[in-house]
Amino acid sequence: MMMRLRAQATDTIPAVAPGWSAVTTWVEAHPIVGPAIGVAIVLLVAWLANVIARRVILRGIARIVTRTHFTWDNQLHDHDVFKRLANIVPALITYYGVLVVPGLPDTVTLVIQRVAVALVVILIAVSAGAFLTAINDIYAERADARSRPIKGYLQIAKIVITILAGILVLSQLVGTSPVVFLSGIGALTAVILLIFRDTILSFVASIQISANDMVRLGDWIEVPELGADGDVVDIALHTVKVQNWDKTITTVPTHRLISDSFRNWRGMSESGGRRIKRAINIDMTSVRFLDDEQIEELGRWELLSDYIAQKLVEIEEHNGKSELAPAMIPHVRRLTNLGTFRAYVVNYLRAHPHTHDQLTLMVRQLEPSSRGVPIEIYVFTNDTAWVAYEGIQSDIIDHLLCVLPDFGLRVFQDPAGTDLRALAEAGAGNGRGGRPDSAGESP
């Protein structure tokens, strides 16, 4: 068939004008010139077809895309899917054009056609990759895309397409069946598993992450081993990108989210409350019973009036049943400043406008130590935003530190340099050697 097409093409060539006799003679003396000119003409036609496809067809498609009400066609256009497909036109023209070039050796024709077919396969694979990328962006516009990302699966499809395209290109260039290459892959299974070990692990991890809904785009996660602490901005096949709070990016291998432990703060965001867990260390030497004057003063506080009134009734009933004298202090119930302070903190947190009224609220006393008695505040704010949460937490602690002296309590803290300096100055003020002045000595 190839020889018949060339014979027909040769028969249709018109007679050469006498003025071209010298050129014809020279061309006949150099047999390679004629086929070379024919190939050049084919390539020129292919280039012109590519120009027409880009400037006419692609521009027409762009106008149609911008006028439609759909968004998926915009994604296809933005990812150059149509532009990549347009490059197939010159390859096809080259494939069929070399058949009509007169005098072109069959071997050269076969090589050009194989290269053209390989180019078509590559362009189709590249277009398919761009199409899958556009599919991911189209899917990202869905409401459930953040909880069910498909980027990892699409990347697997790209890898498969690339492998198949590579096999087809090699088989076409070598001139053998693709089955030969596929049969050879079985013998290289161990090598393939070694090369694609991370890909296989990541693919399995992506399936588990998606099936168990472990990570979504926008989740705040912590992976201490890898220094990741921030929002998830991208979930791919091999990596999960985390934007840390200092705006740096930490790349976490996908399979590490399965093999290692990590913390996901999504539950906190969905609950609508963020936990405050802080302890104030109270100096144990400041803990004591309240006297009548202090009870009367604290009883006028709005947050303590009901508590003190109820406690006074309970204490009176309890002590009235006792047959021992009130002087037996160990056996008599009395209000303490620390217990009253804890009751005040509970009522203060319940009345606070930024604490969550549906989640746990607790003020407890931890085990005393050499650093005092820790009073732990365990409460949730109703605002999970980081800046707002820190402000609420700071305001609560500030208020409690300021109100402590009203209960006769002191905060425990290690001596500072100013404390030691004050002690030194006090010792120096007593006179030499720390003894009192002679004017102040007793006879």
Protein backbone atom coordinates (compact mmCIF):
# COMPACT_ATOMS: atom_id res chain seq x y z
CA MET A 1 0.00 0.00 0.00
CA MET A 2 2.86 2.35 0.85
CA MET A 3 4.44 1.79 -2.60
CA ARG A 4 1.07 2.29 -4.34
CA LEU A 5 0.51 5.64 -2.61
CA ARG A 6 3.95 6.78 -3.59
CA ALA A 7 3.41 5.66 -7.24
CA GLN A 8 0.16 7.60 -7.37
CA ALA A 9 1.86 10.64 -5.90
CA THR A 10 4.62 10.34 -8.50
CA ASP A 11 2.13 10.02 -11.37
CA THR A 12 0.33 13.20 -10.32
CA ILE A 13 3.49 15.34 -10.47
CA PRO A 14 3.22 17.61 -13.53
CA ALA A 15 5.90 17.77 -16.19
CA VAL A 16 8.87 19.87 -15.31
CA ALA A 17 9.19 23.13 -17.18
CA PRO A 18 12.29 23.57 -19.38
CA GLY A 19 13.57 26.30 -17.06
CA TRP A 20 13.77 23.81 -14.26
CA SER A 21 15.81 21.27 -16.17
CA ALA A 22 19.01 22.20 -14.37
CA VAL A 23 17.31 21.87 -11.02
CA THR A 24 15.79 18.56 -12.03
CA THR A 25 19.14 17.29 -13.19
CA TRP A 26 20.75 18.33 -9.90
CA VAL A 27 17.99 16.71 -7.88
CA GLU A 28 18.32 13.50 -9.87
CA ALA A 29 22.03 13.56 -9.19
CA HIS A 30 21.32 13.81 -5.45
CA PRO A 31 18.52 11.32 -4.67
CA ILE A 32 18.31 12.33 -1.00
CA VAL A 33 17.27 15.91 -1.78
CA GLY A 34 13.81 15.06 -3.09
CA PRO A 35 12.70 13.00 -0.08
CA ALA A 36 14.24 15.59 2.26
CA ILE A 37 12.23 18.36 0.62
CA GLY A 38 9.11 16.20 0.87
CA VAL A 39 9.68 15.58 4.58
CA ALA A 40 10.31 19.30 5.09
CA ILE A 41 7.02 20.10 3.35
CA VAL A 42 5.19 17.58 5.56
CA LEU A 43 6.73 19.13 8.67
CA LEU A 44 5.81 22.62 7.44
CA VAL A 45 2.20 21.54 6.89
CA ALA A 46 2.17 19.99 10.36
CA TRP A 47 3.48 23.22 11.87
CA LEU A 48 0.86 25.29 10.01
CA ALA A 49 -1.84 22.91 11.25
CA ASN A 50 -0.58 23.39 14.78
CA VAL A 51 -0.69 27.15 14.39
CA ILE A 52 -4.23 27.01 13.05
CA ALA A 53 -5.31 24.70 15.86
CA ARG A 54 -3.85 27.03 18.50
CA ARG A 55 -4.94 30.38 17.07
CA VAL A 56 -8.31 29.42 15.67
CA ILE A 57 -9.69 26.30 17.31
CA LEU A 58 -8.29 26.94 20.83
CA ARG A 59 -9.41 30.56 20.80
CA GLY A 60 -12.87 29.46 19.73
CA ILE A 61 -12.95 26.94 22.57
CA ALA A 62 -11.81 29.65 25.02
CA ARG A 63 -14.68 31.91 23.95
CA ILE A 64 -17.18 29.10 24.39
CA VAL A 65 -15.78 28.22 27.83
CA THR A 66 -16.01 31.79 29.11
CA ARG A 67 -19.63 32.11 28.00
CA THR A 68 -20.97 28.93 29.58
CA HIS A 69 -22.41 28.77 33.08
CA PHE A 70 -20.46 25.64 33.98
CA THR A 71 -17.24 25.64 36.00
CA TRP A 72 -15.82 22.29 34.97
CA ASP A 73 -15.00 23.48 31.44
CA ASN A 74 -13.11 26.44 32.93
CA GLN A 75 -10.95 24.02 34.89
CA LEU A 76 -10.24 21.97 31.77
CA HIS A 77 -9.24 25.12 29.92
CA ASP A 78 -7.12 26.50 32.78
CA HIS A 79 -5.14 23.25 33.02
CA ASP A 80 -4.41 23.32 29.24
CA VAL A 81 -6.21 20.06 28.50
CA PHE A 82 -7.43 21.31 25.10
CA LYS A 83 -4.06 22.90 24.36
CA ARG A 84 -2.22 19.64 24.97
CA LEU A 85 -4.67 17.69 22.82
CA ALA A 86 -4.16 20.18 19.99
CA ASN A 87 -0.51 19.14 19.80
CA ILE A 88 -1.61 15.73 18.55
CA VAL A 89 -2.68 17.24 15.21
CA PRO A 90 0.84 17.83 13.78
CA ALA A 91 1.93 14.35 14.92
CA LEU A 92 -0.96 12.75 13.03
CA ILE A 93 -0.25 14.85 9.94
CA THR A 94 3.39 13.77 10.06
CA TYR A 95 2.39 10.11 10.46
CA TYR A 96 0.19 10.11 7.35
CA GLY A 97 2.15 12.75 5.40
CA VAL A 98 5.35 10.75 5.08
CA LEU A 99 3.41 8.08 3.16
CA VAL A 100 3.04 10.39 0.16
CA VAL A 101 6.65 11.59 0.08
CA PRO A 102 8.16 10.17 -3.13
CA GLY A 103 11.49 8.40 -2.95
CA LEU A 104 11.54 8.18 0.87
CA PRO A 105 13.09 4.87 1.98
CA ASP A 106 10.79 2.51 3.81
CA THR A 107 13.13 2.40 6.79
CA VAL A 108 13.05 6.19 7.22
CA THR A 109 9.27 6.20 6.80
CA LEU A 110 8.91 3.53 9.47
CA VAL A 111 11.17 5.41 11.89
CA ILE A 112 9.27 8.69 11.41
CA GLN A 113 5.93 6.97 11.88
CA ARG A 114 7.09 5.23 15.04
CA VAL A 115 8.37 8.49 16.47
CA ALA A 116 5.04 10.15 15.56
CA VAL A 117 3.06 7.37 17.26
CA ALA A 118 5.28 7.60 20.34
CA LEU A 119 4.72 11.36 20.40
CA VAL A 120 0.96 10.85 20.17
CA VAL A 121 1.08 8.43 23.10
CA ILE A 122 3.10 10.90 25.18
CA LEU A 123 0.73 13.76 24.36
CA ILE A 124 -2.30 11.65 25.27
CA ALA A 125 -0.66 10.69 28.58
CA VAL A 126 0.21 14.33 29.35
CA SER A 127 -3.33 15.41 28.45
CA ALA A 128 -4.76 12.68 30.67
CA GLY A 129 -2.59 13.93 33.55
CA ALA A 130 -3.84 17.48 33.06
CA PHE A 131 -7.40 16.16 32.86
CA LEU A 132 -7.01 14.35 36.20
CA THR A 133 -5.61 17.52 37.78
CA ALA A 134 -8.64 19.41 36.52
CA ILE A 135 -10.89 16.68 37.93
CA ASN A 136 -9.29 17.20 41.35
CA ASP A 137 -9.93 20.96 41.22
CA ILE A 138 -13.52 20.38 40.07
CA TYR A 139 -14.06 17.94 42.93
CA ALA A 140 -12.49 20.40 45.40
CA GLU A 141 -15.46 22.71 44.85
CA ARG A 142 -17.80 20.15 46.42
CA ALA A 143 -18.84 20.57 50.04
CA ASP A 144 -17.53 17.15 51.08
CA ALA A 145 -14.17 17.52 49.30
CA ARG A 146 -12.35 18.55 52.49
CA SER A 147 -13.38 15.38 54.30
CA ARG A 148 -12.93 13.03 51.32
CA PRO A 149 -9.95 14.17 49.21
CA ILE A 150 -9.25 12.22 46.03
CA LYS A 151 -5.88 13.71 45.15
CA GLY A 152 -4.01 10.57 46.24
CA TYR A 153 -6.14 8.31 44.05
CA LEU A 154 -5.70 10.60 41.07
CA GLN A 155 -1.96 10.54 41.57
CA ILE A 156 -2.06 6.74 41.51
CA ALA A 157 -3.97 6.97 38.21
CA LYS A 158 -1.29 9.33 36.87
CA ILE A 159 1.44 6.87 37.82
CA VAL A 160 -0.41 4.01 36.09
CA ILE A 161 -0.95 6.14 32.97
CA THR A 162 2.73 7.14 32.94
CA ILE A 163 3.88 3.52 33.26
CA LEU A 164 1.56 2.34 30.49
CA ALA A 165 2.58 5.23 28.27
CA GLY A 166 6.25 4.42 28.86
CA ILE A 167 5.69 0.78 27.92
CA LEU A 168 3.80 1.75 24.75
CA VAL A 169 6.46 4.27 23.71
CA LEU A 170 9.30 1.83 24.24
CA SER A 171 7.49 -0.96 22.43
CA GLN A 172 6.70 1.36 19.53
CA LEU A 173 10.26 2.65 19.19
CA VAL A 174 11.80 -0.80 19.49
CA GLY A 175 9.15 -2.36 17.26
CA THR A 176 8.02 -5.10 19.63
CA SER A 177 4.72 -5.97 21.21
CA PRO A 178 3.88 -4.34 24.58
CA VAL A 179 3.17 -7.84 25.87
CA VAL A 180 6.93 -8.50 25.77
CA PHE A 181 7.59 -5.64 28.17
CA LEU A 182 4.67 -6.63 30.39
CA SER A 183 5.96 -10.19 30.63
CA GLY A 184 9.38 -8.88 31.59
CA ILE A 185 7.90 -6.89 34.44
CA GLY A 186 7.07 -10.12 36.27
CA ALA A 187 10.77 -10.93 36.53
CA LEU A 188 11.47 -7.46 37.89
CA THR A 189 8.79 -7.53 40.58
CA ALA A 190 11.28 -7.35 43.43
CA VAL A 191 13.02 -4.38 41.87
CA ILE A 192 9.70 -2.65 41.21
CA LEU A 193 8.59 -3.20 44.81
CA LEU A 194 11.86 -1.70 46.01
CA ILE A 195 11.55 1.32 43.73
CA PHE A 196 7.87 1.96 44.46
CA ARG A 197 7.98 1.00 48.14
CA ASP A 198 7.08 4.50 49.35
CA THR A 199 4.38 4.80 46.70
CA ILE A 200 2.76 1.54 47.76
CA LEU A 201 2.92 2.47 51.45
CA SER A 202 1.51 5.91 50.73
CA PHE A 203 -1.30 4.49 48.61
CA VAL A 204 -2.36 2.10 51.37
CA ALA A 205 -2.07 4.89 53.93
CA SER A 206 -4.21 7.20 51.76
CA ILE A 207 -6.96 4.58 51.61
CA GLN A 208 -6.89 4.15 55.39
CA ILE A 209 -6.83 7.88 56.05
CA SER A 210 -9.77 8.46 53.73
CA ALA A 211 -11.78 5.46 54.94
CA ASN A 212 -11.30 6.30 58.63
CA ASP A 213 -11.65 10.06 58.11
CA MET A 214 -8.42 10.65 60.02
CA VAL A 215 -7.26 13.86 58.32
CA ARG A 216 -9.07 16.50 56.31
CA LEU A 217 -7.95 19.68 54.61
CA GLY A 218 -7.98 22.48 57.16
CA ASP A 219 -7.51 20.19 60.18
CA TRP A 220 -5.14 21.32 62.90
CA ILE A 221 -2.76 18.41 63.56
CA GLU A 222 0.35 17.92 65.67
CA VAL A 223 3.13 15.49 64.74
CA PRO A 224 5.81 16.16 67.38
CA GLU A 225 8.31 13.69 65.91
CA LEU A 226 8.40 15.65 62.64
CA GLY A 227 7.96 19.14 64.07
CA ALA A 228 4.53 19.67 62.48
CA ASP A 229 1.99 21.80 64.34
CA GLY A 230 -0.54 23.64 62.21
CA ASP A 231 -3.23 23.38 59.56
CA VAL A 232 -3.29 20.75 56.81
CA VAL A 233 -3.10 22.61 53.48
CA ASP A 234 -2.60 19.70 51.08
CA ILE A 235 -3.14 15.94 51.10
CA ALA A 236 -1.33 14.15 48.27
CA LEU A 237 -0.30 10.58 47.59
CA HIS A 238 3.16 10.73 49.11
CA THR A 239 2.98 13.75 51.41
CA VAL A 240 0.69 15.78 53.65
CA LYS A 241 1.66 19.45 53.86
CA VAL A 242 1.16 21.19 57.20
CA GLN A 243 1.43 24.96 57.51
CA ASN A 244 2.81 25.60 60.98
CA TRP A 245 1.74 28.57 63.06
CA ASP A 246 4.98 30.37 62.19
CA LYS A 247 3.93 30.05 58.52
CA THR A 248 6.59 27.47 57.73
CA ILE A 249 5.62 24.32 55.83
CA THR A 250 6.31 20.83 57.19
CA THR A 251 6.00 17.93 54.75
CA VAL A 252 4.83 14.76 56.47
CA PRO A 253 5.05 11.42 54.60
CA THR A 254 1.53 10.06 54.27
CA HIS A 255 2.41 6.64 55.62
CA ARG A 256 3.82 8.24 58.81
CA LEU A 257 0.28 9.27 59.78
CA ILE A 258 -0.56 5.56 59.92
CA SER A 259 2.62 4.16 61.46
CA ASP A 260 3.10 6.96 64.02
CA SER A 261 0.71 8.73 66.36
CA PHE A 262 -0.44 12.29 65.83
CA ARG A 263 -2.99 14.64 67.36
CA ASN A 264 -5.93 16.02 65.39
CA TRP A 265 -7.70 19.01 66.93
CA ARG A 266 -10.77 18.70 64.72
CA GLY A 267 -12.85 17.33 67.59
CA MET A 268 -12.16 20.48 69.56
CA SER A 269 -13.32 22.67 66.71
CA GLU A 270 -16.46 20.62 66.12
CA SER A 271 -17.40 20.61 69.82
CA GLY A 272 -17.39 24.39 69.92
CA GLY A 273 -15.26 24.50 73.07
CA ARG A 274 -11.56 24.75 73.80
CA ARG A 275 -10.12 23.57 77.07
CA ILE A 276 -8.42 25.70 79.70
CA LYS A 277 -6.34 23.63 82.10
CA ARG A 278 -4.26 25.85 84.35
CA ALA A 279 -3.16 25.54 87.98
CA ILE A 280 -2.43 28.29 90.52
CA ASN A 281 -0.03 27.28 93.28
CA ILE A 282 -1.20 28.55 96.68
CA ASP A 283 1.23 29.12 99.53
CA MET A 284 0.18 26.55 102.15
CA THR A 285 1.14 28.88 105.01
CA SER A 286 -1.65 31.24 103.93
CA VAL A 287 -4.42 28.64 104.22
CA ARG A 288 -6.53 29.15 107.37
CA PHE A 289 -10.05 29.37 108.78
CA LEU A 290 -12.19 32.43 108.09
CA ASP A 291 -13.18 34.59 111.05
CA ASP A 292 -16.65 36.13 111.48
CA GLU A 293 -15.61 39.46 110.00
CA GLN A 294 -14.27 37.87 106.82
CA ILE A 295 -17.32 35.62 106.51
CA GLU A 296 -19.59 38.67 106.75
CA GLU A 297 -17.55 40.59 104.20
CA LEU A 298 -17.37 37.73 101.69
CA GLY A 299 -21.05 36.98 102.24
CA ARG A 300 -21.90 40.29 100.63
CA TRP A 301 -20.27 39.20 97.36
CA GLU A 302 -22.83 38.33 94.74
CA LEU A 303 -20.99 35.17 93.64
CA LEU A 304 -20.54 33.93 97.23
CA SER A 305 -23.68 35.00 99.09
CA ASP A 306 -25.68 31.85 98.36
CA TYR A 307 -22.69 29.58 98.95
CA ILE A 308 -21.79 31.07 102.34
CA ALA A 309 -25.40 31.13 103.50
CA GLN A 310 -25.83 27.46 102.59
CA LYS A 311 -22.52 26.47 104.17
CA LEU A 312 -23.30 28.32 107.41
CA VAL A 313 -26.56 26.38 107.72
CA GLU A 314 -24.77 23.07 107.08
CA ILE A 315 -22.00 23.90 109.56
CA GLU A 316 -24.47 24.96 112.25
CA GLU A 317 -26.48 21.75 111.83
CA HIS A 318 -23.33 19.62 111.94
CA ASN A 319 -21.77 21.33 114.91
CA GLY A 320 -25.09 21.32 116.80
CA LYS A 321 -25.12 17.53 116.74
CA SER A 322 -21.65 17.34 118.25
CA GLU A 323 -21.44 16.78 122.02
CA LEU A 324 -17.94 18.20 122.13
CA ALA A 325 -17.12 21.78 123.03
CA PRO A 326 -16.56 24.24 120.19
CA ALA A 327 -13.02 24.67 121.47
CA MET A 328 -12.23 21.22 120.07
CA ILE A 329 -11.31 22.66 116.70
CA PRO A 330 -10.43 19.36 114.98
CA HIS A 331 -13.95 18.15 115.51
CA VAL A 332 -15.75 21.38 114.50
CA ARG A 333 -16.52 22.34 110.90
CA ARG A 334 -15.51 25.87 109.86
CA LEU A 335 -15.17 27.77 106.59
CA THR A 336 -11.66 27.94 105.14
CA ASN A 337 -10.35 30.65 102.88
CA LEU A 338 -9.11 28.10 100.34
CA GLY A 339 -12.45 26.25 100.14
CA THR A 340 -14.32 29.53 99.82
CA PHE A 341 -11.92 30.62 97.08
CA ARG A 342 -12.60 27.41 95.15
CA ALA A 343 -16.34 28.02 95.41
CA TYR A 344 -15.84 31.57 94.17
CA VAL A 345 -13.83 30.35 91.15
CA VAL A 346 -16.57 27.85 90.24
CA ASN A 347 -19.30 30.49 90.40
CA TYR A 348 -17.12 33.01 88.58
CA LEU A 349 -16.49 30.57 85.70
CA ARG A 350 -20.19 29.65 85.47
CA ALA A 351 -21.12 33.31 85.21
CA HIS A 352 -18.39 34.12 82.70
CA PRO A 353 -19.87 34.96 79.28
CA HIS A 354 -17.11 33.14 77.36
CA THR A 355 -17.16 29.74 79.09
CA HIS A 356 -19.03 26.80 77.58
CA ASP A 357 -22.04 25.82 79.68
CA GLN A 358 -22.43 22.34 78.13
CA LEU A 359 -18.91 21.05 78.71
CA THR A 360 -16.97 20.09 81.82
CA LEU A 361 -16.35 22.82 84.40
CA MET A 362 -14.30 21.89 87.43
CA VAL A 363 -12.02 23.53 90.01
CA ARG A 364 -10.04 20.93 91.92
CA GLN A 365 -7.24 20.77 94.44
CA LEU A 366 -4.22 18.74 93.35
CA GLU A 367 -1.70 17.00 95.56
CA PRO A 368 0.27 19.46 97.72
CA SER A 369 4.00 19.61 97.09
CA SER A 370 7.01 21.69 97.94
CA ARG A 371 5.62 24.32 95.57
CA GLY A 372 2.37 24.77 97.47
CA VAL A 373 -1.21 23.60 96.93
CA PRO A 374 -2.13 23.58 93.21
CA ILE A 375 -5.69 24.74 92.46
CA GLU A 376 -6.43 23.56 88.92
CA ILE A 377 -8.99 25.28 86.70
CA TYR A 378 -10.58 22.93 84.17
CA VAL A 379 -13.07 24.67 81.91
CA PHE A 380 -13.88 25.12 78.20
CA THR A 381 -14.26 28.39 76.36
CA ASN A 382 -17.09 28.85 73.87
CA ASP A 383 -14.71 30.38 71.30
CA THR A 384 -12.17 28.04 69.69
CA ALA A 385 -10.26 30.73 67.77
CA TRP A 386 -6.67 30.81 68.97
CA VAL A 387 -6.37 34.55 69.62
CA ALA A 388 -9.76 34.79 71.34
CA TYR A 389 -9.03 31.68 73.42
CA GLU A 390 -5.72 33.04 74.69
CA GLY A 391 -7.37 36.34 75.58
CA ILE A 392 -10.17 34.65 77.55
CA GLN A 393 -7.73 32.39 79.36
CA SER A 394 -5.47 35.28 80.31
CA ASP A 395 -8.37 37.40 81.57
CA ILE A 396 -9.59 34.58 83.83
CA ILE A 397 -6.15 33.93 85.34
CA ASP A 398 -5.51 37.67 85.77
CA HIS A 399 -8.75 38.09 87.70
CA LEU A 400 -8.13 35.12 89.99
CA LEU A 401 -4.59 36.26 90.82
CA CYS A 402 -5.88 39.70 91.71
CA VAL A 403 -8.74 38.42 93.90
CA LEU A 404 -6.57 36.00 95.92
CA PRO A 405 -5.52 38.55 98.59
CA ASP A 406 -9.18 39.21 99.41
CA PHE A 407 -9.32 35.63 100.72
CA GLY A 408 -6.10 36.00 102.68
CA LEU A 409 -4.26 33.70 100.27
CA ARG A 410 -0.85 34.09 98.70
CA VAL A 411 0.54 32.70 95.45
CA PHE A 412 3.59 30.51 95.85
CA GLN A 413 6.61 31.37 93.74
CA ASP A 414 10.35 30.88 94.01
CA PRO A 415 12.33 33.77 95.47
CA ALA A 416 13.40 36.29 92.86
CA GLY A 417 16.48 38.48 92.85
CA THR A 418 14.51 41.39 94.29
CA ASP A 419 13.41 39.20 97.23
CA LEU A 420 16.98 38.22 98.05
CA ARG A 421 18.11 41.84 97.69
CA ALA A 422 15.39 42.97 100.09
CA LEU A 423 16.49 40.36 102.64
CA ALA A 424 20.09 41.51 102.32
CA GLU A 425 19.13 45.15 102.78
CA ALA A 426 16.98 44.27 105.79
CA GLY A 427 19.89 42.42 107.36
CA ALA A 428 22.23 45.33 106.70
CA GLY A 429 19.77 47.78 108.26
CA ASN A 430 19.97 45.98 111.62
CA GLY A 431 23.55 47.14 112.13
CA ARG A 432 26.93 45.53 111.82
CA GLY A 433 26.87 41.83 112.00
CA GLY A 434 23.08 41.91 111.89
CA ARG A 435 22.85 43.01 115.59
CA PRO A 436 20.46 45.77 116.75
CA ASP A 437 21.77 49.32 117.20
CA SER A 438 22.98 50.14 120.70
CA ALA A 439 20.37 52.86 121.02
CA GLY A 440 17.68 50.29 120.65
CA GLU A 441 19.17 47.69 122.98
CA SER A 442 17.32 46.79 126.17
CA PRO A 443 19.11 47.30 129.41
